[in-house]
Amino acid sequence: KTVIGRTADNDLQIQSRFISRHHAQVVSDQTRSILEDLNSTNGVFIRSQRVKHQELVDGDVIQIGEHKLLYRDMRTAHRLAADADDDDDLDELEDEDEDEDDDTDADGFEEAEVGERGR
């Protein structure tokens, strides 16, 4: 849980006369994050709509008073990175299948010519 407000006891402190002492909070679990207005005077807005209780998605802009906060869902970032890694692994496998003319044997060793050393 992350509490947003004007006073020092908040997790995210925003010093502004338009921010309530305890303005809003974001409550997260393994699958989602919920923004909740804590009965603030001036409200909480997402996409220009005043909200009391709203599930957040990556990239949401939360407006509190004159301040805009960009919500980044690290779960989404980790999923995208994992998906990109999976795509890279697939590309590598496809490249290996296409590369039949190289000098690498089934064990992953390359053939090399061995010359005689001079004494």
PDB file of N, CA and C in Angstrom:
ATOM      1  N   LYS A   1       0.855  -1.181   0.000  1.00  0.00           N
ATOM      2  CA  LYS A   1       0.000   0.000   0.000  1.00  0.00           C
ATOM      3  C   LYS A   1       0.892   1.232   0.000  1.00  0.00           C
ATOM      4  N   THR A   2       0.536   2.206  -0.835  1.00  0.00           N
ATOM      5  CA  THR A   2       1.250   3.479  -0.903  1.00  0.00           C
ATOM      6  C   THR A   2       0.245   4.601  -0.672  1.00  0.00           C
ATOM      7  N   VAL A   3       0.447   5.355   0.404  1.00  0.00           N
ATOM      8  CA  VAL A   3      -0.459   6.456   0.736  1.00  0.00           C
ATOM      9  C   VAL A   3       0.153   7.759   0.227  1.00  0.00           C
ATOM     10  N   ILE A   4      -0.690   8.564  -0.422  1.00  0.00           N
ATOM     11  CA  ILE A   4      -0.274   9.835  -1.021  1.00  0.00           C
ATOM     12  C   ILE A   4      -0.992  10.959  -0.289  1.00  0.00           C
ATOM     13  N   GLY A   5      -0.230  11.986   0.111  1.00  0.00           N
ATOM     14  CA  GLY A   5      -0.858  13.114   0.791  1.00  0.00           C
ATOM     15  C   GLY A   5       0.129  14.213   1.110  1.00  0.00           C
ATOM     16  N   ARG A   6      -0.343  15.225   1.817  1.00  0.00           N
ATOM     17  CA  ARG A   6       0.434  16.429   2.104  1.00  0.00           C
ATOM     18  C   ARG A   6       1.361  16.289   3.316  1.00  0.00           C
ATOM     19  N   THR A   7       1.008  15.462   4.289  1.00  0.00           N
ATOM     20  CA  THR A   7       1.787  15.401   5.527  1.00  0.00           C
ATOM     21  C   THR A   7       2.940  14.397   5.427  1.00  0.00           C
ATOM     22  N   ALA A   8       3.886  14.548   6.335  1.00  0.00           N
ATOM     23  CA  ALA A   8       5.122  13.752   6.298  1.00  0.00           C
ATOM     24  C   ALA A   8       4.910  12.270   6.576  1.00  0.00           C
ATOM     25  N   ASP A   9       3.782  11.883   7.147  1.00  0.00           N
ATOM     26  CA  ASP A   9       3.561  10.466   7.458  1.00  0.00           C
ATOM     27  C   ASP A   9       3.063   9.653   6.251  1.00  0.00           C
ATOM     28  N   ASN A  10       2.968  10.271   5.079  1.00  0.00           N
ATOM     29  CA  ASN A  10       2.567   9.564   3.861  1.00  0.00           C
ATOM     30  C   ASN A  10       3.775   8.899   3.206  1.00  0.00           C
ATOM     31  N   ASP A  11       3.510   7.862   2.432  1.00  0.00           N
ATOM     32  CA  ASP A  11       4.587   7.213   1.678  1.00  0.00           C
ATOM     33  C   ASP A  11       5.085   8.119   0.555  1.00  0.00           C
ATOM     34  N   LEU A  12       4.167   8.851  -0.060  1.00  0.00           N
ATOM     35  CA  LEU A  12       4.503   9.823  -1.099  1.00  0.00           C
ATOM     36  C   LEU A  12       3.926  11.158  -0.659  1.00  0.00           C
ATOM     37  N   GLN A  13       4.824  12.081  -0.281  1.00  0.00           N
ATOM     38  CA  GLN A  13       4.391  13.374   0.239  1.00  0.00           C
ATOM     39  C   GLN A  13       4.446  14.413  -0.876  1.00  0.00           C
ATOM     40  N   ILE A  14       3.317  15.113  -1.068  1.00  0.00           N
ATOM     41  CA  ILE A  14       3.241  16.206  -2.033  1.00  0.00           C
ATOM     42  C   ILE A  14       2.776  17.436  -1.263  1.00  0.00           C
ATOM     43  N   GLN A  15       3.660  18.404  -1.112  1.00  0.00           N
ATOM     44  CA  GLN A  15       3.323  19.597  -0.349  1.00  0.00           C
ATOM     45  C   GLN A  15       2.656  20.609  -1.270  1.00  0.00           C
ATOM     46  N   SER A  16       1.347  20.680  -1.141  1.00  0.00           N
ATOM     47  CA  SER A  16       0.548  21.597  -1.948  1.00  0.00           C
ATOM     48  C   SER A  16      -0.752  21.862  -1.215  1.00  0.00           C
ATOM     49  N   ARG A  17      -1.252  23.073  -1.337  1.00  0.00           N
ATOM     50  CA  ARG A  17      -2.516  23.411  -0.667  1.00  0.00           C
ATOM     51  C   ARG A  17      -3.709  22.697  -1.290  1.00  0.00           C
ATOM     52  N   PHE A  18      -3.521  22.100  -2.480  1.00  0.00           N
ATOM     53  CA  PHE A  18      -4.606  21.381  -3.153  1.00  0.00           C
ATOM     54  C   PHE A  18      -4.645  19.895  -2.793  1.00  0.00           C
ATOM     55  N   ILE A  19      -3.688  19.468  -1.970  1.00  0.00           N
ATOM     56  CA  ILE A  19      -3.579  18.061  -1.580  1.00  0.00           C
ATOM     57  C   ILE A  19      -4.060  17.914  -0.137  1.00  0.00           C
ATOM     58  N   SER A  20      -4.915  16.941   0.110  1.00  0.00           N
ATOM     59  CA  SER A  20      -5.383  16.662   1.475  1.00  0.00           C
ATOM     60  C   SER A  20      -4.271  15.998   2.282  1.00  0.00           C
ATOM     61  N   ARG A  21      -4.419  16.037   3.603  1.00  0.00           N
ATOM     62  CA  ARG A  21      -3.403  15.413   4.464  1.00  0.00           C
ATOM     63  C   ARG A  21      -3.171  13.956   4.068  1.00  0.00           C
ATOM     64  N   HIS A  22      -4.223  13.200   3.885  1.00  0.00           N
ATOM     65  CA  HIS A  22      -4.157  11.823   3.375  1.00  0.00           C
ATOM     66  C   HIS A  22      -5.125  11.783   2.195  1.00  0.00           C
ATOM     67  N   HIS A  23      -4.592  11.955   1.014  1.00  0.00           N
ATOM     68  CA  HIS A  23      -5.403  12.224  -0.176  1.00  0.00           C
ATOM     69  C   HIS A  23      -5.893  10.948  -0.867  1.00  0.00           C
ATOM     70  N   ALA A  24      -4.958  10.018  -1.116  1.00  0.00           N
ATOM     71  CA  ALA A  24      -5.303   8.800  -1.860  1.00  0.00           C
ATOM     72  C   ALA A  24      -4.320   7.706  -1.489  1.00  0.00           C
ATOM     73  N   GLN A  25      -4.645   6.492  -1.913  1.00  0.00           N
ATOM     74  CA  GLN A  25      -3.712   5.385  -1.719  1.00  0.00           C
ATOM     75  C   GLN A  25      -3.800   4.434  -2.903  1.00  0.00           C
ATOM     76  N   VAL A  26      -2.688   3.740  -3.137  1.00  0.00           N
ATOM     77  CA  VAL A  26      -2.643   2.684  -4.144  1.00  0.00           C
ATOM     78  C   VAL A  26      -2.398   1.384  -3.397  1.00  0.00           C
ATOM     79  N   VAL A  27      -3.322   0.449  -3.555  1.00  0.00           N
ATOM     80  CA  VAL A  27      -3.219  -0.858  -2.909  1.00  0.00           C
ATOM     81  C   VAL A  27      -2.955  -1.884  -4.003  1.00  0.00           C
ATOM     82  N   SER A  28      -1.866  -2.644  -3.844  1.00  0.00           N
ATOM     83  CA  SER A  28      -1.469  -3.611  -4.873  1.00  0.00           C
ATOM     84  C   SER A  28      -1.380  -5.015  -4.311  1.00  0.00           C
ATOM     85  N   ASP A  29      -1.659  -5.986  -5.177  1.00  0.00           N
ATOM     86  CA  ASP A  29      -1.389  -7.388  -4.866  1.00  0.00           C
ATOM     87  C   ASP A  29      -0.609  -7.962  -6.049  1.00  0.00           C
ATOM     88  N   GLN A  30      -0.558  -9.266  -6.196  1.00  0.00           N
ATOM     89  CA  GLN A  30       0.241  -9.879  -7.257  1.00  0.00           C
ATOM     90  C   GLN A  30      -0.309  -9.612  -8.654  1.00  0.00           C
ATOM     91  N   THR A  31      -1.585  -9.275  -8.768  1.00  0.00           N
ATOM     92  CA  THR A  31      -2.187  -9.172 -10.096  1.00  0.00           C
ATOM     93  C   THR A  31      -2.650  -7.781 -10.500  1.00  0.00           C
ATOM     94  N   ARG A  32      -2.893  -6.891  -9.534  1.00  0.00           N
ATOM     95  CA  ARG A  32      -3.427  -5.584  -9.905  1.00  0.00           C
ATOM     96  C   ARG A  32      -3.147  -4.544  -8.837  1.00  0.00           C
ATOM     97  N   SER A  33      -3.385  -3.281  -9.212  1.00  0.00           N
ATOM     98  CA  SER A  33      -3.265  -2.150  -8.292  1.00  0.00           C
ATOM     99  C   SER A  33      -4.539  -1.326  -8.374  1.00  0.00           C
ATOM    100  N   ILE A  34      -5.027  -0.914  -7.208  1.00  0.00           N
ATOM    101  CA  ILE A  34      -6.261  -0.132  -7.112  1.00  0.00           C
ATOM    102  C   ILE A  34      -5.931   1.228  -6.497  1.00  0.00           C
ATOM    103  N   LEU A  35      -6.379   2.297  -7.154  1.00  0.00           N
ATOM    104  CA  LEU A  35      -6.260   3.651  -6.627  1.00  0.00           C
ATOM    105  C   LEU A  35      -7.548   3.972  -5.878  1.00  0.00           C
ATOM    106  N   GLU A  36      -7.406   4.461  -4.644  1.00  0.00           N
ATOM    107  CA  GLU A  36      -8.575   4.813  -3.829  1.00  0.00           C
ATOM    108  C   GLU A  36      -8.440   6.246  -3.335  1.00  0.00           C
ATOM    109  N   ASP A  37      -9.468   7.041  -3.545  1.00  0.00           N
ATOM    110  CA  ASP A  37      -9.538   8.391  -2.988  1.00  0.00           C
ATOM    111  C   ASP A  37      -9.906   8.253  -1.514  1.00  0.00           C
ATOM    112  N   LEU A  38      -9.154   8.895  -0.642  1.00  0.00           N
ATOM    113  CA  LEU A  38      -9.395   8.807   0.803  1.00  0.00           C
ATOM    114  C   LEU A  38     -10.264   9.975   1.276  1.00  0.00           C
ATOM    115  N   ASN A  39     -11.380  10.203   0.572  1.00  0.00           N
ATOM    116  CA  ASN A  39     -12.308  11.298   0.887  1.00  0.00           C
ATOM    117  C   ASN A  39     -11.628  12.661   0.843  1.00  0.00           C
ATOM    118  N   SER A  40     -10.795  12.845  -0.171  1.00  0.00           N
ATOM    119  CA  SER A  40     -10.085  14.113  -0.321  1.00  0.00           C
ATOM    120  C   SER A  40     -11.050  15.227  -0.724  1.00  0.00           C
ATOM    121  N   THR A  41     -10.642  16.451  -0.471  1.00  0.00           N
ATOM    122  CA  THR A  41     -11.467  17.611  -0.821  1.00  0.00           C
ATOM    123  C   THR A  41     -11.514  17.830  -2.334  1.00  0.00           C
ATOM    124  N   ASN A  42     -10.358  17.738  -2.989  1.00  0.00           N
ATOM    125  CA  ASN A  42     -10.270  18.083  -4.409  1.00  0.00           C
ATOM    126  C   ASN A  42     -10.300  16.891  -5.358  1.00  0.00           C
ATOM    127  N   GLY A  43     -10.332  15.682  -4.838  1.00  0.00           N
ATOM    128  CA  GLY A  43     -10.501  14.507  -5.679  1.00  0.00           C
ATOM    129  C   GLY A  43      -9.240  13.983  -6.337  1.00  0.00           C
ATOM    130  N   VAL A  44      -9.426  12.862  -7.021  1.00  0.00           N
ATOM    131  CA  VAL A  44      -8.377  12.171  -7.767  1.00  0.00           C
ATOM    132  C   VAL A  44      -8.941  11.933  -9.166  1.00  0.00           C
ATOM    133  N   PHE A  45      -8.120  12.184 -10.180  1.00  0.00           N
ATOM    134  CA  PHE A  45      -8.583  12.074 -11.561  1.00  0.00           C
ATOM    135  C   PHE A  45      -7.681  11.143 -12.365  1.00  0.00           C
ATOM    136  N   ILE A  46      -8.313  10.335 -13.208  1.00  0.00           N
ATOM    137  CA  ILE A  46      -7.604   9.516 -14.193  1.00  0.00           C
ATOM    138  C   ILE A  46      -8.317   9.746 -15.521  1.00  0.00           C
ATOM    139  N   ARG A  47      -7.552  10.085 -16.556  1.00  0.00           N
ATOM    140  CA  ARG A  47      -8.116  10.387 -17.882  1.00  0.00           C
ATOM    141  C   ARG A  47      -9.248  11.424 -17.769  1.00  0.00           C
ATOM    142  N   SER A  48      -8.983  12.450 -16.982  1.00  0.00           N
ATOM    143  CA  SER A  48      -9.907  13.580 -16.779  1.00  0.00           C
ATOM    144  C   SER A  48     -11.220  13.204 -16.093  1.00  0.00           C
ATOM    145  N   GLN A  49     -11.305  12.011 -15.534  1.00  0.00           N
ATOM    146  CA  GLN A  49     -12.504  11.574 -14.821  1.00  0.00           C
ATOM    147  C   GLN A  49     -12.208  11.458 -13.328  1.00  0.00           C
ATOM    148  N   ARG A  50     -13.066  12.056 -12.517  1.00  0.00           N
ATOM    149  CA  ARG A  50     -12.895  11.919 -11.070  1.00  0.00           C
ATOM    150  C   ARG A  50     -13.232  10.485 -10.679  1.00  0.00           C
ATOM    151  N   VAL A  51     -12.346   9.877  -9.879  1.00  0.00           N
ATOM    152  CA  VAL A  51     -12.547   8.483  -9.472  1.00  0.00           C
ATOM    153  C   VAL A  51     -12.470   8.371  -7.956  1.00  0.00           C
ATOM    154  N   LYS A  52     -13.196   7.407  -7.421  1.00  0.00           N
ATOM    155  CA  LYS A  52     -13.118   7.084  -5.994  1.00  0.00           C
ATOM    156  C   LYS A  52     -12.349   5.788  -5.786  1.00  0.00           C
ATOM    157  N   HIS A  53     -12.505   4.867  -6.735  1.00  0.00           N
ATOM    158  CA  HIS A  53     -11.928   3.529  -6.622  1.00  0.00           C
ATOM    159  C   HIS A  53     -11.694   3.059  -8.060  1.00  0.00           C
ATOM    160  N   GLN A  54     -10.426   2.931  -8.464  1.00  0.00           N
ATOM    161  CA  GLN A  54     -10.142   2.641  -9.866  1.00  0.00           C
ATOM    162  C   GLN A  54      -8.957   1.692  -9.994  1.00  0.00           C
ATOM    163  N   GLU A  55      -9.126   0.632 -10.782  1.00  0.00           N
ATOM    164  CA  GLU A  55      -7.988  -0.240 -11.088  1.00  0.00           C
ATOM    165  C   GLU A  55      -7.064   0.506 -12.042  1.00  0.00           C
ATOM    166  N   LEU A  56      -5.777   0.470 -11.736  1.00  0.00           N
ATOM    167  CA  LEU A  56      -4.786   1.162 -12.554  1.00  0.00           C
ATOM    168  C   LEU A  56      -4.209   0.230 -13.606  1.00  0.00           C
ATOM    169  N   VAL A  57      -3.872   0.812 -14.750  1.00  0.00           N
ATOM    170  CA  VAL A  57      -3.153   0.079 -15.786  1.00  0.00           C
ATOM    171  C   VAL A  57      -1.868   0.838 -16.090  1.00  0.00           C
ATOM    172  N   ASP A  58      -0.870   0.105 -16.564  1.00  0.00           N
ATOM    173  CA  ASP A  58       0.425   0.706 -16.866  1.00  0.00           C
ATOM    174  C   ASP A  58       0.244   1.909 -17.795  1.00  0.00           C
ATOM    175  N   GLY A  59       0.820   3.036 -17.400  1.00  0.00           N
ATOM    176  CA  GLY A  59       0.741   4.248 -18.208  1.00  0.00           C
ATOM    177  C   GLY A  59      -0.351   5.215 -17.796  1.00  0.00           C
ATOM    178  N   ASP A  60      -1.201   4.836 -16.835  1.00  0.00           N
ATOM    179  CA  ASP A  60      -2.232   5.761 -16.355  1.00  0.00           C
ATOM    180  C   ASP A  60      -1.577   7.005 -15.764  1.00  0.00           C
ATOM    181  N   VAL A  61      -2.185   8.152 -16.033  1.00  0.00           N
ATOM    182  CA  VAL A  61      -1.745   9.406 -15.428  1.00  0.00           C
ATOM    183  C   VAL A  61      -2.769   9.761 -14.355  1.00  0.00           C
ATOM    184  N   ILE A  62      -2.283   9.848 -13.123  1.00  0.00           N
ATOM    185  CA  ILE A  62      -3.121  10.165 -11.969  1.00  0.00           C
ATOM    186  C   ILE A  62      -2.937  11.647 -11.686  1.00  0.00           C
ATOM    187  N   GLN A  63      -4.029  12.406 -11.667  1.00  0.00           N
ATOM    188  CA  GLN A  63      -3.933  13.823 -11.340  1.00  0.00           C
ATOM    189  C   GLN A  63      -4.490  14.046  -9.952  1.00  0.00           C
ATOM    190  N   ILE A  64      -3.641  14.636  -9.109  1.00  0.00           N
ATOM    191  CA  ILE A  64      -4.008  14.979  -7.736  1.00  0.00           C
ATOM    192  C   ILE A  64      -3.645  16.444  -7.557  1.00  0.00           C
ATOM    193  N   GLY A  65      -4.651  17.293  -7.380  1.00  0.00           N
ATOM    194  CA  GLY A  65      -4.382  18.725  -7.326  1.00  0.00           C
ATOM    195  C   GLY A  65      -3.778  19.173  -8.646  1.00  0.00           C
ATOM    196  N   GLU A  66      -2.680  19.909  -8.562  1.00  0.00           N
ATOM    197  CA  GLU A  66      -1.982  20.385  -9.763  1.00  0.00           C
ATOM    198  C   GLU A  66      -0.925  19.397 -10.243  1.00  0.00           C
ATOM    199  N   HIS A  67      -0.820  18.268  -9.593  1.00  0.00           N
ATOM    200  CA  HIS A  67       0.260  17.321  -9.868  1.00  0.00           C
ATOM    201  C   HIS A  67      -0.240  16.120 -10.656  1.00  0.00           C
ATOM    202  N   LYS A  68       0.602  15.691 -11.593  1.00  0.00           N
ATOM    203  CA  LYS A  68       0.301  14.496 -12.381  1.00  0.00           C
ATOM    204  C   LYS A  68       1.352  13.440 -12.079  1.00  0.00           C
ATOM    205  N   LEU A  69       0.882  12.242 -11.790  1.00  0.00           N
ATOM    206  CA  LEU A  69       1.759  11.117 -11.476  1.00  0.00           C
ATOM    207  C   LEU A  69       1.562  10.042 -12.538  1.00  0.00           C
ATOM    208  N   LEU A  70       2.653   9.574 -13.109  1.00  0.00           N
ATOM    209  CA  LEU A  70       2.590   8.505 -14.103  1.00  0.00           C
ATOM    210  C   LEU A  70       2.701   7.172 -13.383  1.00  0.00           C
ATOM    211  N   TYR A  71       1.709   6.317 -13.558  1.00  0.00           N
ATOM    212  CA  TYR A  71       1.721   5.000 -12.921  1.00  0.00           C
ATOM    213  C   TYR A  71       2.425   4.015 -13.839  1.00  0.00           C
ATOM    214  N   ARG A  72       3.452   3.374 -13.315  1.00  0.00           N
ATOM    215  CA  ARG A  72       4.179   2.334 -14.035  1.00  0.00           C
ATOM    216  C   ARG A  72       4.011   1.033 -13.283  1.00  0.00           C
ATOM    217  N   ASP A  73       3.452   0.036 -13.953  1.00  0.00           N
ATOM    218  CA  ASP A  73       3.240  -1.279 -13.359  1.00  0.00           C
ATOM    219  C   ASP A  73       4.468  -2.127 -13.652  1.00  0.00           C
ATOM    220  N   MET A  74       5.293  -2.361 -12.650  1.00  0.00           N
ATOM    221  CA  MET A  74       6.528  -3.124 -12.842  1.00  0.00           C
ATOM    222  C   MET A  74       6.234  -4.567 -13.223  1.00  0.00           C
ATOM    223  N   ARG A  75       5.070  -5.073 -12.844  1.00  0.00           N
ATOM    224  CA  ARG A  75       4.696  -6.430 -13.270  1.00  0.00           C
ATOM    225  C   ARG A  75       4.585  -6.478 -14.787  1.00  0.00           C
ATOM    226  N   THR A  76       4.021  -5.439 -15.384  1.00  0.00           N
ATOM    227  CA  THR A  76       3.905  -5.372 -16.842  1.00  0.00           C
ATOM    228  C   THR A  76       5.279  -5.266 -17.470  1.00  0.00           C
ATOM    229  N   ALA A  77       6.144  -4.444 -16.901  1.00  0.00           N
ATOM    230  CA  ALA A  77       7.496  -4.294 -17.442  1.00  0.00           C
ATOM    231  C   ALA A  77       8.250  -5.614 -17.396  1.00  0.00           C
ATOM    232  N   HIS A  78       8.119  -6.351 -16.295  1.00  0.00           N
ATOM    233  CA  HIS A  78       8.795  -7.648 -16.184  1.00  0.00           C
ATOM    234  C   HIS A  78       8.222  -8.652 -17.179  1.00  0.00           C
ATOM    235  N   ARG A  79       6.898  -8.629 -17.369  1.00  0.00           N
ATOM    236  CA  ARG A  79       6.282  -9.539 -18.349  1.00  0.00           C
ATOM    237  C   ARG A  79       6.759  -9.210 -19.752  1.00  0.00           C
ATOM    238  N   LEU A  80       6.822  -7.926 -20.089  1.00  0.00           N
ATOM    239  CA  LEU A  80       7.275  -7.530 -21.422  1.00  0.00           C
ATOM    240  C   LEU A  80       8.723  -7.930 -21.638  1.00  0.00           C
ATOM    241  N   ALA A  81       9.554  -7.755 -20.604  1.00  0.00           N
ATOM    242  CA  ALA A  81      10.959  -8.152 -20.718  1.00  0.00           C
ATOM    243  C   ALA A  81      11.073  -9.658 -20.888  1.00  0.00           C
ATOM    244  N   ALA A  82      10.286 -10.416 -20.148  1.00  0.00           N
ATOM    245  CA  ALA A  82      10.319 -11.878 -20.265  1.00  0.00           C
ATOM    246  C   ALA A  82       9.846 -12.307 -21.648  1.00  0.00           C
ATOM    247  N   ASP A  83       8.800 -11.656 -22.160  1.00  0.00           N
ATOM    248  CA  ASP A  83       8.316 -11.973 -23.507  1.00  0.00           C
ATOM    249  C   ASP A  83       9.379 -11.657 -24.546  1.00  0.00           C
ATOM    250  N   ALA A  84      10.080 -10.535 -24.377  1.00  0.00           N
ATOM    251  CA  ALA A  84      11.136 -10.168 -25.319  1.00  0.00           C
ATOM    252  C   ALA A  84      12.264 -11.187 -25.266  1.00  0.00           C
ATOM    253  N   ASP A  85      12.625 -11.655 -24.068  1.00  0.00           N
ATOM    254  CA  ASP A  85      13.661 -12.684 -23.940  1.00  0.00           C
ATOM    255  C   ASP A  85      13.228 -13.963 -24.635  1.00  0.00           C
ATOM    256  N   ASP A  86      11.964 -14.342 -24.484  1.00  0.00           N
ATOM    257  CA  ASP A  86      11.448 -15.535 -25.159  1.00  0.00           C
ATOM    258  C   ASP A  86      11.529 -15.372 -26.665  1.00  0.00           C
ATOM    259  N   ASP A  87      11.192 -14.174 -27.175  1.00  0.00           N
ATOM    260  CA  ASP A  87      11.277 -13.915 -28.610  1.00  0.00           C
ATOM    261  C   ASP A  87      12.717 -13.999 -29.088  1.00  0.00           C
ATOM    262  N   ASP A  88      13.666 -13.467 -28.292  1.00  0.00           N
ATOM    263  CA  ASP A  88      15.085 -13.538 -28.651  1.00  0.00           C
ATOM    264  C   ASP A  88      15.549 -14.982 -28.708  1.00  0.00           C
ATOM    265  N   ASP A  89      15.118 -15.796 -27.740  1.00  0.00           N
ATOM    266  CA  ASP A  89      15.487 -17.211 -27.731  1.00  0.00           C
ATOM    267  C   ASP A  89      14.955 -17.906 -28.976  1.00  0.00           C
ATOM    268  N   LEU A  90      13.727 -17.582 -29.376  1.00  0.00           N
ATOM    269  CA  LEU A  90      13.155 -18.170 -30.587  1.00  0.00           C
ATOM    270  C   LEU A  90      13.943 -17.748 -31.815  1.00  0.00           C
ATOM    271  N   ASP A  91      14.321 -16.461 -31.886  1.00  0.00           N
ATOM    272  CA  ASP A  91      15.113 -15.977 -33.016  1.00  0.00           C
ATOM    273  C   ASP A  91      16.435 -16.716 -33.101  1.00  0.00           C
ATOM    274  N   GLU A  92      17.078 -16.935 -31.939  1.00  0.00           N
ATOM    275  CA  GLU A  92      18.354 -17.652 -31.925  1.00  0.00           C
ATOM    276  C   GLU A  92      18.176 -19.079 -32.418  1.00  0.00           C
ATOM    277  N   LEU A  93      17.116 -19.747 -31.990  1.00  0.00           N
ATOM    278  CA  LEU A  93      16.868 -21.112 -32.447  1.00  0.00           C
ATOM    279  C   LEU A  93      16.626 -21.140 -33.949  1.00  0.00           C
ATOM    280  N   GLU A  94      15.862 -20.176 -34.462  1.00  0.00           N
ATOM    281  CA  GLU A  94      15.612 -20.119 -35.898  1.00  0.00           C
ATOM    282  C   GLU A  94      16.905 -19.864 -36.651  1.00  0.00           C
ATOM    283  N   ASP A  95      17.761 -18.964 -36.128  1.00  0.00           N
ATOM    284  CA  ASP A  95      19.044 -18.683 -36.768  1.00  0.00           C
ATOM    285  C   ASP A  95      19.909 -19.927 -36.809  1.00  0.00           C
ATOM    286  N   GLU A  96      19.905 -20.708 -35.731  1.00  0.00           N
ATOM    287  CA  GLU A  96      20.710 -21.927 -35.696  1.00  0.00           C
ATOM    288  C   GLU A  96      20.214 -22.926 -36.730  1.00  0.00           C
ATOM    289  N   ASP A  97      18.911 -23.041 -36.898  1.00  0.00           N
ATOM    290  CA  ASP A  97      18.356 -23.966 -37.883  1.00  0.00           C
ATOM    291  C   ASP A  97      18.713 -23.546 -39.297  1.00  0.00           C
ATOM    292  N   GLU A  98      18.751 -22.236 -39.558  1.00  0.00           N
ATOM    293  CA  GLU A  98      19.057 -21.736 -40.887  1.00  0.00           C
ATOM    294  C   GLU A  98      20.538 -21.847 -41.209  1.00  0.00           C
ATOM    295  N   ASP A  99      21.382 -21.954 -40.220  1.00  0.00           N
ATOM    296  CA  ASP A  99      22.831 -21.909 -40.395  1.00  0.00           C
ATOM    297  C   ASP A  99      23.396 -23.320 -40.519  1.00  0.00           C
ATOM    298  N   GLU A 100      23.032 -24.029 -41.589  1.00  0.00           N
ATOM    299  CA  GLU A 100      23.451 -25.420 -41.765  1.00  0.00           C
ATOM    300  C   GLU A 100      24.866 -25.545 -42.333  1.00  0.00           C
ATOM    301  N   ASP A 101      25.411 -24.490 -42.936  1.00  0.00           N
ATOM    302  CA  ASP A 101      26.693 -24.572 -43.628  1.00  0.00           C
ATOM    303  C   ASP A 101      27.887 -24.275 -42.733  1.00  0.00           C
ATOM    304  N   ASP A 102      27.684 -24.083 -41.436  1.00  0.00           N
ATOM    305  CA  ASP A 102      28.836 -23.748 -40.597  1.00  0.00           C
ATOM    306  C   ASP A 102      29.626 -25.002 -40.244  1.00  0.00           C
ATOM    307  N   ASP A 103      30.776 -24.812 -39.625  1.00  0.00           N
ATOM    308  CA  ASP A 103      31.691 -25.910 -39.301  1.00  0.00           C
ATOM    309  C   ASP A 103      31.490 -26.423 -37.886  1.00  0.00           C
ATOM    310  N   THR A 104      30.330 -26.238 -37.302  1.00  0.00           N
ATOM    311  CA  THR A 104      30.070 -26.662 -35.934  1.00  0.00           C
ATOM    312  C   THR A 104      29.417 -28.031 -35.951  1.00  0.00           C
ATOM    313  N   ASP A 105      29.951 -28.962 -35.131  1.00  0.00           N
ATOM    314  CA  ASP A 105      29.341 -30.297 -35.078  1.00  0.00           C
ATOM    315  C   ASP A 105      28.210 -30.319 -34.059  1.00  0.00           C
ATOM    316  N   ALA A 106      27.596 -31.469 -33.870  1.00  0.00           N
ATOM    317  CA  ALA A 106      26.422 -31.590 -33.004  1.00  0.00           C
ATOM    318  C   ALA A 106      26.714 -31.258 -31.551  1.00  0.00           C
ATOM    319  N   ASP A 107      27.967 -31.373 -31.114  1.00  0.00           N
ATOM    320  CA  ASP A 107      28.319 -31.076 -29.728  1.00  0.00           C
ATOM    321  C   ASP A 107      28.630 -29.598 -29.511  1.00  0.00           C
ATOM    322  N   GLY A 108      28.568 -28.794 -30.557  1.00  0.00           N
ATOM    323  CA  GLY A 108      28.838 -27.373 -30.412  1.00  0.00           C
ATOM    324  C   GLY A 108      30.300 -27.017 -30.607  1.00  0.00           C
ATOM    325  N   PHE A 109      31.116 -27.947 -31.031  1.00  0.00           N
ATOM    326  CA  PHE A 109      32.529 -27.665 -31.261  1.00  0.00           C
ATOM    327  C   PHE A 109      32.745 -27.300 -32.718  1.00  0.00           C
ATOM    328  N   GLU A 110      33.671 -26.388 -32.966  1.00  0.00           N
ATOM    329  CA  GLU A 110      33.988 -26.034 -34.337  1.00  0.00           C
ATOM    330  C   GLU A 110      35.172 -26.850 -34.811  1.00  0.00           C
ATOM    331  N   GLU A 111      35.131 -27.211 -36.095  1.00  0.00           N
ATOM    332  CA  GLU A 111      36.279 -27.914 -36.661  1.00  0.00           C
ATOM    333  C   GLU A 111      37.383 -26.896 -36.895  1.00  0.00           C
ATOM    334  N   ALA A 112      38.590 -27.281 -36.638  1.00  0.00           N
ATOM    335  CA  ALA A 112      39.722 -26.384 -36.860  1.00  0.00           C
ATOM    336  C   ALA A 112      40.864 -27.184 -37.441  1.00  0.00           C
ATOM    337  N   GLU A 113      41.637 -26.528 -38.295  1.00  0.00           N
ATOM    338  CA  GLU A 113      42.809 -27.201 -38.849  1.00  0.00           C
ATOM    339  C   GLU A 113      43.932 -27.103 -37.840  1.00  0.00           C
ATOM    340  N   VAL A 114      44.611 -28.200 -37.648  1.00  0.00           N
ATOM    341  CA  VAL A 114      45.729 -28.223 -36.713  1.00  0.00           C
ATOM    342  C   VAL A 114      46.999 -28.303 -37.536  1.00  0.00           C
ATOM    343  N   GLY A 115      47.874 -27.325 -37.373  1.00  0.00           N
ATOM    344  CA  GLY A 115      49.135 -27.314 -38.114  1.00  0.00           C
ATOM    345  C   GLY A 115      50.242 -27.926 -37.281  1.00  0.00           C
ATOM    346  N   GLU A 116      51.359 -28.254 -37.949  1.00  0.00           N
ATOM    347  CA  GLU A 116      52.509 -28.827 -37.244  1.00  0.00           C
ATOM    348  C   GLU A 116      53.365 -27.690 -36.734  1.00  0.00           C
ATOM    349  N   ARG A 117      53.769 -27.769 -35.477  1.00  0.00           N
ATOM    350  CA  ARG A 117      54.601 -26.723 -34.887  1.00  0.00           C
ATOM    351  C   ARG A 117      56.055 -26.936 -35.256  1.00  0.00           C
ATOM    352  N   GLY A 118      56.700 -25.860 -35.518  1.00  0.00           N
ATOM    353  CA  GLY A 118      58.147 -25.949 -35.768  1.00  0.00           C
ATOM    354  C   GLY A 118      58.903 -26.070 -34.474  1.00  0.00           C
ATOM    355  N   ARG A 119      60.073 -26.778 -34.549  1.00  0.00           N
ATOM    356  CA  ARG A 119      60.857 -26.956 -33.328  1.00  0.00           C
ATOM    357  C   ARG A 119      62.079 -26.135 -33.344  1.00  0.00           C
TER     358      ARG A 119
END
